[in-house]
Protein backbone atom coordinates (compact mmCIF):
# COMPACT_ATOMS: atom_id res chain seq x y z
CA MET A 1 10.11 160.29 234.89
CA PHE A 2 11.83 159.60 238.14
CA ASP A 3 10.89 160.52 241.61
CA THR A 4 11.28 159.84 245.38
CA LYS A 5 10.02 156.64 245.25
CA ASP A 6 12.65 155.58 242.88
CA HIS A 7 15.52 157.24 245.15
CA LYS A 8 14.11 155.16 247.84
CA ILE A 9 14.17 151.65 246.00
CA ILE A 10 17.95 152.38 244.97
CA ALA A 11 18.79 153.64 248.63
CA ALA A 12 16.99 150.48 249.96
CA LEU A 13 19.22 148.59 247.95
CA SER A 14 22.21 150.36 248.99
CA SER A 15 21.90 149.50 252.15
CA THR A 16 22.82 146.02 252.09
CA ASP A 17 24.74 143.62 250.31
CA SER A 18 22.20 141.26 249.94
CA TYR A 19 19.52 140.51 247.77
CA LEU A 20 16.07 141.76 248.70
CA SER A 21 12.92 140.49 247.48
CA GLY A 22 10.16 142.42 245.93
CA ASN A 23 8.00 141.71 248.90
CA GLN A 24 10.82 143.06 251.24
CA LEU A 25 11.35 146.25 249.11
CA GLY A 26 7.72 146.70 249.13
CA ASP A 27 7.37 146.58 252.97
CA LEU A 28 10.00 148.79 253.69
CA LEU A 29 8.64 151.66 251.30
CA GLY A 30 4.94 151.01 251.33
CA MET A 31 4.54 149.63 247.87
CA SER A 32 3.42 146.49 246.03
CA ARG A 33 5.73 143.89 244.76
CA VAL A 34 4.43 144.79 241.24
CA ALA A 35 5.31 148.26 241.10
CA ILE A 36 8.58 147.60 242.91
CA GLY A 37 9.64 145.27 239.84
CA LYS A 38 8.28 147.90 237.40
CA ARG A 39 10.09 150.67 238.65
CA LEU A 40 13.20 148.49 239.14
CA ARG A 41 12.81 147.70 235.30
CA VAL A 42 12.59 151.08 234.19
CA MET A 43 15.74 152.08 235.96
CA GLN A 44 17.67 149.00 234.70
CA ALA A 45 16.90 150.12 231.08
CA ALA A 46 18.27 153.35 231.97
CA GLY A 47 21.53 151.83 233.10
CA LEU A 48 21.05 151.31 236.76
CA PRO A 49 23.78 148.25 237.65
CA VAL A 50 21.05 146.17 239.53
CA GLU A 51 21.24 142.47 239.50
CA THR A 52 18.26 140.33 239.48
CA LYS A 53 18.05 136.62 240.71
CA ALA A 54 14.76 134.59 240.27
CA ALA A 55 12.84 133.91 243.31
CA THR A 56 15.25 135.63 245.50
CA GLY A 57 15.54 139.38 244.52
CA TYR A 58 17.50 142.48 243.75
CA ARG A 59 20.72 143.93 244.94
CA LEU A 60 22.98 146.36 243.30
CA GLN A 61 26.32 145.34 241.73
CA LYS A 62 29.27 144.90 243.92
CA GLY A 63 31.27 148.27 244.28
CA PHE A 64 28.50 150.57 242.78
CA THR A 65 27.53 153.72 245.05
CA PRO A 66 24.73 155.61 244.10
CA LEU A 67 24.41 159.69 244.33
CA ASN A 68 22.78 160.56 247.22
CA GLN A 69 21.52 164.10 248.07
CA ASP A 70 21.95 163.37 251.76
CA SER A 71 25.17 162.30 251.68
CA ILE A 72 26.71 165.13 249.83
CA LEU A 73 25.35 167.39 252.08
CA GLN A 74 26.40 165.64 255.36
CA LEU A 75 30.01 166.36 253.94
CA LEU A 76 29.82 170.09 252.83
CA ASN A 77 31.14 172.51 255.42
CA GLN A 78 29.58 175.01 257.25
CA SER A 79 30.70 177.68 255.08
CA THR A 80 29.46 176.14 252.20
CA ILE A 81 26.17 175.13 253.65
CA SER A 82 25.76 178.91 254.88
CA LYS A 83 25.74 179.64 251.03
CA LEU A 84 23.94 176.85 249.48
CA ALA A 85 20.48 178.07 248.31
CA LYS A 86 19.19 174.84 246.34
CA SER A 87 20.64 171.41 245.66
CA LYS A 88 19.29 168.73 243.48
CA VAL A 89 20.62 165.18 243.00
CA HIS A 90 18.75 163.37 239.96
CA ILE A 91 18.60 159.86 238.65
CA VAL A 92 17.58 160.96 235.01
CA MET A 93 17.57 164.16 233.13
CA ASP A 94 18.37 166.01 230.01
CA SER A 95 20.98 168.40 230.98
CA THR A 96 22.28 169.69 234.55
CA ASN A 97 23.43 172.85 232.96
CA SER A 98 19.80 173.34 231.67
CA GLN A 99 18.24 173.07 235.21
CA ILE A 100 21.21 175.01 237.03
CA GLU A 101 20.09 178.16 234.67
CA SER A 102 16.55 177.82 236.63
CA ILE A 103 18.10 177.99 240.31
CA PHE A 104 17.65 181.44 241.80
CA LEU A 105 20.62 183.06 243.55
CA ASN A 106 21.17 186.07 245.54
CA ALA A 107 24.76 187.74 245.71
CA GLY A 108 26.98 185.66 247.41
CA GLN A 109 25.03 182.43 247.21
CA THR A 110 25.38 178.91 245.55
CA GLY A 111 23.61 176.10 243.99
CA PHE A 112 24.46 172.45 242.31
CA VAL A 113 22.79 170.18 240.38
CA THR A 114 23.71 166.49 239.71
CA THR A 115 22.66 163.35 238.05
CA GLU A 116 23.25 159.56 237.41
CA VAL A 117 22.10 159.68 233.39
CA GLN A 118 22.09 162.72 231.31
CA ASN A 119 20.19 162.43 228.11
CA LEU A 120 21.20 165.97 226.06
CA GLY A 121 24.70 166.92 228.03
CA LYS A 122 26.69 169.39 226.01
CA GLY A 123 30.57 170.01 225.79
CA ARG A 124 32.43 172.61 224.22
CA ARG A 125 31.04 173.78 220.97
CA SER A 126 27.66 172.23 221.31
CA ASN A 127 29.33 168.83 221.21
CA ASN A 128 27.54 166.11 223.00
CA TRP A 129 28.93 165.00 226.29
CA ILE A 130 28.80 161.15 226.28
CA SER A 131 28.79 159.66 229.90
CA THR A 132 28.47 156.08 231.08
CA PRO A 133 25.25 155.79 232.93
CA PHE A 134 25.40 155.64 236.96
CA GLN A 135 29.35 155.63 236.92
CA ASN A 136 30.31 159.08 236.32
CA ILE A 137 30.15 162.53 237.66
CA MET A 138 27.68 165.15 235.61
CA LEU A 139 27.81 168.22 238.08
CA SER A 140 26.38 171.67 237.40
CA LEU A 141 27.22 174.55 239.93
CA ALA A 142 26.20 178.20 240.12
CA TRP A 143 27.60 181.32 241.65
CA GLN A 144 25.83 184.85 242.30
CA PHE A 145 28.90 187.60 242.26
CA PRO A 146 27.49 190.86 243.52
CA VAL A 147 29.73 192.73 241.24
CA TRP A 148 31.59 191.78 237.98
CA PRO A 149 34.78 189.94 239.02
CA THR A 150 38.37 191.21 237.52
CA ASP A 151 39.57 188.58 235.13
CA ILE A 152 36.44 186.73 234.86
CA THR A 153 36.89 185.44 231.38
CA ALA A 154 39.68 183.16 232.96
CA PHE A 155 37.19 181.71 235.42
CA SER A 156 36.91 178.25 233.36
CA LEU A 157 41.17 178.17 234.23
CA ALA A 158 40.92 178.90 237.58
CA THR A 159 38.22 176.15 238.02
CA GLY A 160 40.61 173.61 235.83
CA VAL A 161 43.37 174.25 238.19
CA MET A 162 40.66 173.75 241.25
CA VAL A 163 39.49 170.43 240.29
CA ALA A 164 42.97 169.39 239.14
CA ASP A 165 43.73 170.21 242.92
CA VAL A 166 40.56 168.36 244.21
CA LEU A 167 41.43 165.23 242.36
CA GLY A 168 45.26 165.72 243.50
CA ASN A 169 43.94 165.67 247.08
CA LEU A 170 42.54 162.44 246.44
CA GLY A 171 45.77 160.66 245.03
CA VAL A 172 45.59 161.00 241.42
CA LYS A 173 49.02 162.10 240.02
CA GLY A 174 49.58 162.78 236.40
CA LEU A 175 46.85 165.54 235.61
CA GLN A 176 47.26 168.30 233.09
CA LEU A 177 44.86 171.02 231.57
CA LYS A 178 44.56 171.67 228.47
CA TRP A 179 43.30 175.14 227.34
CA PRO A 180 40.75 176.54 227.99
CA ASN A 181 38.52 173.83 229.72
CA ASP A 182 39.74 170.36 229.27
CA LEU A 183 41.08 167.68 231.99
CA TYR A 184 43.62 165.05 231.01
CA LEU A 185 45.21 162.23 232.63
CA ASN A 186 48.25 160.42 231.31
CA GLY A 187 47.64 162.17 228.01
CA ALA A 188 44.16 161.51 227.51
CA LYS A 189 40.83 163.36 228.67
CA ILE A 190 39.30 162.59 231.64
CA GLY A 191 36.80 165.57 232.04
CA GLY A 192 35.83 168.89 230.80
CA ILE A 193 34.46 172.24 232.10
CA LEU A 194 31.84 174.43 230.45
CA ILE A 195 31.45 178.23 231.91
CA ASN A 196 28.54 180.29 231.25
CA ILE A 197 28.32 183.99 232.47
CA LYS A 198 25.63 186.12 232.76
CA GLY A 199 25.73 189.82 233.52
CA ASP A 200 26.96 193.47 233.08
CA SER A 201 29.81 194.90 234.37
CA GLY A 202 29.22 197.07 237.42
CA ALA A 203 26.58 194.72 238.08
CA GLU A 204 25.53 191.50 239.60
CA VAL A 205 26.64 188.21 237.67
CA ARG A 206 25.78 185.16 237.22
CA LEU A 207 28.02 182.21 236.76
CA ASN A 208 26.87 179.06 235.75
CA CYS A 209 29.43 175.78 235.40
CA GLY A 210 29.26 172.20 234.09
CA ILE A 211 31.98 169.76 235.41
CA GLY A 212 32.04 166.32 233.64
CA LEU A 213 34.22 163.82 235.15
CA ASN A 214 35.00 160.41 233.92
CA ILE A 215 34.94 158.12 236.74
CA LYS A 216 34.31 154.92 234.90
CA ILE A 217 33.60 154.78 230.96
CA SER A 218 32.18 151.78 229.43
CA ALA A 219 34.07 150.02 226.18
CA LYS A 220 31.01 151.27 224.14
CA ASP A 221 30.95 154.60 225.08
CA GLN A 222 35.04 155.27 224.71
CA GLN A 223 34.27 154.06 221.15
CA ALA A 224 31.49 156.91 220.58
CA ILE A 225 33.78 159.37 221.91
CA ASP A 226 35.76 161.04 219.05
CA GLN A 227 39.16 161.71 220.98
CA GLU A 228 41.27 159.59 223.26
CA CYS A 229 39.92 159.40 226.42
CA THR A 230 40.38 157.89 230.02
CA ASP A 231 38.95 157.63 233.25
CA LEU A 232 40.09 157.30 236.70
CA TYR A 233 38.83 153.36 237.49
CA THR A 234 41.23 152.34 234.49
CA ALA A 235 44.14 154.66 235.95
CA GLY A 236 43.74 152.41 239.31
CA HIS A 237 41.31 154.51 241.26
CA LYS A 238 39.16 152.08 241.89
CA ASN A 239 37.55 153.28 245.48
CA LEU A 240 36.23 156.56 244.58
CA ASN A 241 33.50 158.00 246.04
CA ARG A 242 31.37 159.91 243.80
CA ASN A 243 29.47 161.59 246.62
CA HIS A 244 32.70 162.31 248.30
CA LEU A 245 34.09 163.65 245.15
CA ILE A 246 30.81 165.83 244.45
CA ALA A 247 31.25 167.12 248.10
CA ASP A 248 34.83 168.26 247.76
CA LEU A 249 33.98 169.77 244.53
CA VAL A 250 30.89 172.09 245.86
CA ASN A 251 33.29 172.97 248.85
CA ASN A 252 36.06 174.06 246.63
CA TRP A 253 33.84 175.85 244.50
CA VAL A 254 32.38 178.19 246.84
CA ASN A 255 35.95 178.90 247.98
CA LEU A 256 37.06 179.46 244.41
CA CYS A 257 34.20 182.10 244.00
CA GLU A 258 35.22 184.12 247.07
CA GLN A 259 38.73 184.03 246.29
CA PHE A 260 38.11 185.05 242.54
CA GLN A 261 36.20 187.82 243.52
CA SER A 262 38.64 189.47 245.76
CA TYR A 263 41.49 188.42 243.56
CA GLY A 264 40.75 187.44 240.18
CA PHE A 265 42.77 184.92 237.79
CA ALA A 266 46.31 185.87 239.75
CA PRO A 267 46.69 183.41 242.66
CA TYR A 268 45.82 180.67 239.93
CA SER A 269 48.18 181.56 237.39
CA GLU A 270 51.46 179.78 238.22
CA ARG A 271 49.62 176.46 239.07
CA TRP A 272 47.60 176.92 235.78
CA HIS A 273 50.91 177.08 233.72
CA SER A 274 52.61 174.21 235.82
CA LEU A 275 49.66 172.00 234.56
CA HIS A 276 49.24 172.94 230.95
CA LEU A 277 49.42 170.17 228.54
CA PHE A 278 50.54 172.41 225.84
CA GLN A 279 52.98 174.80 227.57
CA ASN A 280 55.97 175.92 225.61
CA CYS A 281 54.50 173.44 222.76
CA ASP A 282 54.21 174.43 219.13
CA VAL A 283 50.58 173.96 218.01
CA ILE A 284 47.92 174.80 215.69
CA ALA A 285 44.82 176.57 216.82
CA THR A 286 41.83 176.14 214.20
CA LYS A 287 38.34 177.68 214.21
CA GLY A 288 36.75 176.98 210.73
CA ARG A 289 38.90 178.48 208.02
CA LEU A 290 40.79 180.63 210.57
CA GLN A 291 44.24 179.09 211.74
CA VAL A 292 46.97 180.18 214.44
CA VAL A 293 50.65 178.62 214.11
CA GLY A 294 53.23 179.35 216.69
CA ARG A 295 54.53 178.22 220.18
CA VAL A 296 52.19 178.35 223.27
CA THR A 297 53.91 180.76 225.55
CA GLY A 298 50.88 180.79 228.00
CA VAL A 299 47.73 182.28 229.35
CA ASP A 300 47.16 186.37 229.91
CA ALA A 301 45.29 187.68 232.99
CA GLN A 302 42.00 187.25 230.90
CA GLY A 303 43.00 183.82 230.28
CA SER A 304 43.32 184.15 226.39
CA LEU A 305 46.13 181.67 225.05
CA VAL A 306 49.21 183.57 223.84
CA ILE A 307 51.20 182.12 220.97
CA LYS A 308 54.33 183.03 219.59
CA ASN A 309 54.62 182.43 215.54
CA SER A 310 58.02 182.17 214.00
CA ASN A 311 58.71 185.77 213.40
CA LEU A 312 58.38 186.54 217.43
CA GLU A 313 54.69 187.80 217.04
CA GLU A 314 52.21 187.26 219.47
CA ALA A 315 48.59 186.08 218.99
CA ARG A 316 46.03 185.97 221.76
CA ILE A 317 43.14 183.63 221.41
CA VAL A 318 40.30 184.73 223.41
CA ASP A 319 37.61 182.68 221.67
CA PRO A 320 37.13 179.22 223.32
CA GLU A 321 35.67 177.55 220.32
CA TYR A 322 39.34 177.11 218.90
CA SER A 323 40.41 173.57 219.03
CA LEU A 324 44.17 173.12 219.61
CA ARG A 325 46.67 170.24 218.43
CA LEU A 326 50.29 169.63 218.43
CA VAL A 327 51.98 170.76 214.93
């Protein structure tokens, strides 16, 4: 639907705070004024925050920085670059998680896909992932492990720690993690992680990971989300650069995968427990008609949630399809 010419139009608009006329854009990009106008109208309909002024031209809304593949790649460290098999930044696509699955990797390699607009994004339990176009982060990463790592079922928890620490290093305070894969800020959901593991014990293992982060959610989209949510903009972080944040996540993802191969979940366990939203709280865990009631004492080495009931009997929940709420 969108191609390199559309990326070039956005890049040209992002290079200046002034209006650019259709003729100016056409001269820069070797296109006609009419073709420029048609492409911009389609991107506006998709959500691109571009202002149009009669007899003057076009400009991006103040404060908006588009995703840019070159900018992200320039911010990756050399260790990450040496392991990067493929990367792609889209304007619109159905699902980053679907596309990441098509990227071939050798052992010890990574890849990532991100997009401005995602039409068929999914969260846990196949729920729709609602994200305001051109404002947030929808990022999928992949890694090929040479052999099945210890504690791989706890990988989503370690990823949560990684994401929380990346945001913390940018000055975001008040972050918490909710088992198994939700990120919370000041008691409201700000993001989620979705992990897919493909492989067999003793052989190479492919791990795909989707990360969704709310940088700025519109009021309309907040109403459409069926739980309390927030975003970094509302929390006062109004100047975060998404390209920088994605680069930080990719760099730390590579480090996480390499460390996890050697040491498993153990190095992340204490940090995860310190961030857990429901640690030592009384909860109800529900999946369909199944229900577990008790106090959360933590997680084990495999990432299973441990709940102790009033008789001091422990239940270990492995299935991430369980939902948690406070009693």
